Amino acid sequence: VEMFVDQTGCDIVAVSIGNAHGFYTTTPKLRLDVLAAVSDAISVPTVLHGASGLSDSDIRQCIDLGVRKINYATEFRAAFSEGYGSVSTPDPRSCLASASENMRKFCCKKVRLLGW
């Protein structure tokens, strides 16, 4: 990773530490030791792809180890779908309003978790 950052000049880098896109079928075992070693070796922040379904504790530890961008795409889309499906009217305006509110609540919860 150090060589990649040095040779590409990238300003942020994503590494795999046991995380994956989508919802997990088993509890992931994150390699926080690898994240710590990478963070110590490079001068740019790291990205955590595949954060949907990770525990708040895991997320906080990743932030403490240098992660500065976190992707929650699967959970974000699920929040929309749950909100959309919770309305019992065929009127899409009601469904979209409910979906939007559900996504807003999800985002507010994550913003508080991340301390932003």
C-alpha atoms as a PDB file:
ATOM      1  CA  VAL A   1       0.000   0.000   0.000  1.00  0.00           C
ATOM      2  CA  GLU A   2       2.878   2.343   0.802  1.00  0.00           C
ATOM      3  CA  MET A   3       4.375   1.776  -2.658  1.00  0.00           C
ATOM      4  CA  PHE A   4       0.959   2.281  -4.301  1.00  0.00           C
ATOM      5  CA  VAL A   5       0.428   5.609  -2.520  1.00  0.00           C
ATOM      6  CA  ASP A   6       3.971   6.773  -3.320  1.00  0.00           C
ATOM      7  CA  GLN A   7       3.795   5.818  -7.005  1.00  0.00           C
ATOM      8  CA  THR A   8       0.259   7.020  -7.738  1.00  0.00           C
ATOM      9  CA  GLY A   9       0.148  10.163  -5.635  1.00  0.00           C
ATOM     10  CA  CYS A  10      -3.403   9.310  -4.592  1.00  0.00           C
ATOM     11  CA  ASP A  11      -4.933  11.451  -1.857  1.00  0.00           C
ATOM     12  CA  ILE A  12      -6.958   8.671  -0.199  1.00  0.00           C
ATOM     13  CA  VAL A  13      -6.825   4.879  -0.390  1.00  0.00           C
ATOM     14  CA  ALA A  14      -9.236   2.026   0.317  1.00  0.00           C
ATOM     15  CA  VAL A  15      -7.904  -1.196   1.791  1.00  0.00           C
ATOM     16  CA  SER A  16      -9.639  -4.468   2.499  1.00  0.00           C
ATOM     17  CA  ILE A  17      -9.465  -5.510   6.139  1.00  0.00           C
ATOM     18  CA  GLY A  18     -12.194  -8.152   6.162  1.00  0.00           C
ATOM     19  CA  ASN A  19     -14.990  -5.838   5.074  1.00  0.00           C
ATOM     20  CA  ALA A  20     -17.097  -6.336   1.936  1.00  0.00           C
ATOM     21  CA  HIS A  21     -19.885  -4.670  -0.012  1.00  0.00           C
ATOM     22  CA  GLY A  22     -23.471  -5.616   0.800  1.00  0.00           C
ATOM     23  CA  PHE A  23     -24.956  -7.015   3.969  1.00  0.00           C
ATOM     24  CA  TYR A  24     -22.943  -9.625   5.819  1.00  0.00           C
ATOM     25  CA  THR A  25     -24.250 -13.159   6.290  1.00  0.00           C
ATOM     26  CA  THR A  26     -21.844 -13.703   9.200  1.00  0.00           C
ATOM     27  CA  THR A  27     -20.165 -11.267  11.552  1.00  0.00           C
ATOM     28  CA  PRO A  28     -17.053  -9.944   9.806  1.00  0.00           C
ATOM     29  CA  LYS A  29     -13.726 -10.198  11.571  1.00  0.00           C
ATOM     30  CA  LEU A  30     -12.005  -6.945  10.742  1.00  0.00           C
ATOM     31  CA  ARG A  31      -8.205  -6.939  10.643  1.00  0.00           C
ATOM     32  CA  LEU A  32      -7.713  -3.780  12.656  1.00  0.00           C
ATOM     33  CA  ASP A  33      -4.030  -4.686  13.012  1.00  0.00           C
ATOM     34  CA  VAL A  34      -3.692  -4.406   9.231  1.00  0.00           C
ATOM     35  CA  LEU A  35      -5.534  -1.077   9.211  1.00  0.00           C
ATOM     36  CA  ALA A  36      -3.247   0.237  11.956  1.00  0.00           C
ATOM     37  CA  ALA A  37      -0.127  -0.858  10.055  1.00  0.00           C
ATOM     38  CA  VAL A  38      -1.372   0.703   6.814  1.00  0.00           C
ATOM     39  CA  SER A  39      -2.309   3.956   8.535  1.00  0.00           C
ATOM     40  CA  ASP A  40       1.128   4.141  10.128  1.00  0.00           C
ATOM     41  CA  ALA A  41       2.893   3.496   6.805  1.00  0.00           C
ATOM     42  CA  ILE A  42       1.100   6.020   4.589  1.00  0.00           C
ATOM     43  CA  SER A  43       0.521   9.759   4.679  1.00  0.00           C
ATOM     44  CA  VAL A  44      -3.020   9.769   3.262  1.00  0.00           C
ATOM     45  CA  PRO A  45      -6.319   8.829   4.919  1.00  0.00           C
ATOM     46  CA  THR A  46      -8.041   5.508   4.321  1.00  0.00           C
ATOM     47  CA  VAL A  47     -11.519   4.613   3.090  1.00  0.00           C
ATOM     48  CA  LEU A  48     -13.767   1.896   4.479  1.00  0.00           C
ATOM     49  CA  HIS A  49     -15.870   0.363   1.717  1.00  0.00           C
ATOM     50  CA  GLY A  50     -18.458  -2.163   2.810  1.00  0.00           C
ATOM     51  CA  ALA A  51     -19.384  -0.560   6.123  1.00  0.00           C
ATOM     52  CA  SER A  52     -23.069  -1.485   5.955  1.00  0.00           C
ATOM     53  CA  GLY A  53     -23.846  -3.775   8.851  1.00  0.00           C
ATOM     54  CA  LEU A  54     -20.615  -3.190  10.755  1.00  0.00           C
ATOM     55  CA  SER A  55     -21.060  -2.459  14.449  1.00  0.00           C
ATOM     56  CA  ASP A  56     -20.785   1.082  15.761  1.00  0.00           C
ATOM     57  CA  SER A  57     -17.815  -0.097  17.822  1.00  0.00           C
ATOM     58  CA  ASP A  58     -15.997  -1.371  14.727  1.00  0.00           C
ATOM     59  CA  ILE A  59     -16.677   1.895  12.909  1.00  0.00           C
ATOM     60  CA  ARG A  60     -15.333   3.971  15.815  1.00  0.00           C
ATOM     61  CA  GLN A  61     -12.180   1.829  15.969  1.00  0.00           C
ATOM     62  CA  CYS A  62     -11.649   2.271  12.223  1.00  0.00           C
ATOM     63  CA  ILE A  63     -11.984   6.038  12.594  1.00  0.00           C
ATOM     64  CA  ASP A  64      -9.480   5.978  15.450  1.00  0.00           C
ATOM     65  CA  LEU A  65      -7.104   4.118  13.103  1.00  0.00           C
ATOM     66  CA  GLY A  66      -7.261   6.720  10.327  1.00  0.00           C
ATOM     67  CA  VAL A  67     -10.377   5.957   8.266  1.00  0.00           C
ATOM     68  CA  ARG A  68     -11.799   9.253   6.984  1.00  0.00           C
ATOM     69  CA  LYS A  69     -14.380   8.089   4.427  1.00  0.00           C
ATOM     70  CA  ILE A  70     -16.974   5.438   5.135  1.00  0.00           C
ATOM     71  CA  ASN A  71     -19.358   3.929   2.573  1.00  0.00           C
ATOM     72  CA  TYR A  72     -22.797   2.821   3.773  1.00  0.00           C
ATOM     73  CA  ALA A  73     -24.487   2.406   0.377  1.00  0.00           C
ATOM     74  CA  THR A  74     -26.306  -0.860   1.135  1.00  0.00           C
ATOM     75  CA  GLU A  75     -27.734   0.391   4.448  1.00  0.00           C
ATOM     76  CA  PHE A  76     -28.671   3.709   2.825  1.00  0.00           C
ATOM     77  CA  ARG A  77     -30.619   1.962   0.048  1.00  0.00           C
ATOM     78  CA  ALA A  78     -32.236  -0.356   2.608  1.00  0.00           C
ATOM     79  CA  ALA A  79     -33.405   2.673   4.616  1.00  0.00           C
ATOM     80  CA  PHE A  80     -35.053   4.038   1.463  1.00  0.00           C
ATOM     81  CA  SER A  81     -36.721   0.705   0.671  1.00  0.00           C
ATOM     82  CA  GLU A  82     -37.985   0.219   4.219  1.00  0.00           C
ATOM     83  CA  GLY A  83     -39.404   3.735   4.310  1.00  0.00           C
ATOM     84  CA  TYR A  84     -40.977   3.379   0.886  1.00  0.00           C
ATOM     85  CA  GLY A  85     -42.555   0.040   1.737  1.00  0.00           C
ATOM     86  CA  SER A  86     -43.936   1.232   5.078  1.00  0.00           C
ATOM     87  CA  VAL A  87     -46.677   3.320   3.451  1.00  0.00           C
ATOM     88  CA  SER A  88     -49.954   1.555   2.663  1.00  0.00           C
ATOM     89  CA  THR A  89     -51.087   3.876  -0.112  1.00  0.00           C
ATOM     90  CA  PRO A  90     -50.339   3.575  -3.813  1.00  0.00           C
ATOM     91  CA  ASP A  91     -49.611   7.331  -3.921  1.00  0.00           C
ATOM     92  CA  PRO A  92     -45.877   7.601  -4.719  1.00  0.00           C
ATOM     93  CA  ARG A  93     -45.687  11.026  -3.056  1.00  0.00           C
ATOM     94  CA  SER A  94     -46.491   9.471   0.329  1.00  0.00           C
ATOM     95  CA  CYS A  95     -44.091   6.605  -0.303  1.00  0.00           C
ATOM     96  CA  LEU A  96     -41.283   8.922  -1.348  1.00  0.00           C
ATOM     97  CA  ALA A  97     -41.847  11.225   1.626  1.00  0.00           C
ATOM     98  CA  SER A  98     -41.654   8.256   3.971  1.00  0.00           C
ATOM     99  CA  ALA A  99     -38.560   6.892   2.222  1.00  0.00           C
ATOM    100  CA  SER A 100     -36.889  10.303   2.372  1.00  0.00           C
ATOM    101  CA  GLU A 101     -37.624  10.645   6.087  1.00  0.00           C
ATOM    102  CA  ASN A 102     -36.260   7.155   6.765  1.00  0.00           C
ATOM    103  CA  MET A 103     -33.052   8.004   4.878  1.00  0.00           C
ATOM    104  CA  ARG A 104     -32.753  11.299   6.790  1.00  0.00           C
ATOM    105  CA  LYS A 105     -32.991   9.446  10.113  1.00  0.00           C
ATOM    106  CA  PHE A 106     -30.370   6.933   8.961  1.00  0.00           C
ATOM    107  CA  CYS A 107     -27.993   9.722   7.915  1.00  0.00           C
ATOM    108  CA  CYS A 108     -28.480  11.645  11.166  1.00  0.00           C
ATOM    109  CA  LYS A 109     -27.712   8.507  13.181  1.00  0.00           C
ATOM    110  CA  LYS A 110     -24.494   7.899  11.227  1.00  0.00           C
ATOM    111  CA  VAL A 111     -23.424  11.549  11.401  1.00  0.00           C
ATOM    112  CA  ARG A 112     -23.771  11.403  15.194  1.00  0.00           C
ATOM    113  CA  LEU A 113     -21.810   8.106  15.312  1.00  0.00           C
ATOM    114  CA  LEU A 114     -19.021   9.595  13.232  1.00  0.00           C
ATOM    115  CA  GLY A 115     -18.866  12.705  15.394  1.00  0.00           C
ATOM    116  CA  TRP A 116     -19.343  15.142  12.520  1.00  0.00           C
END
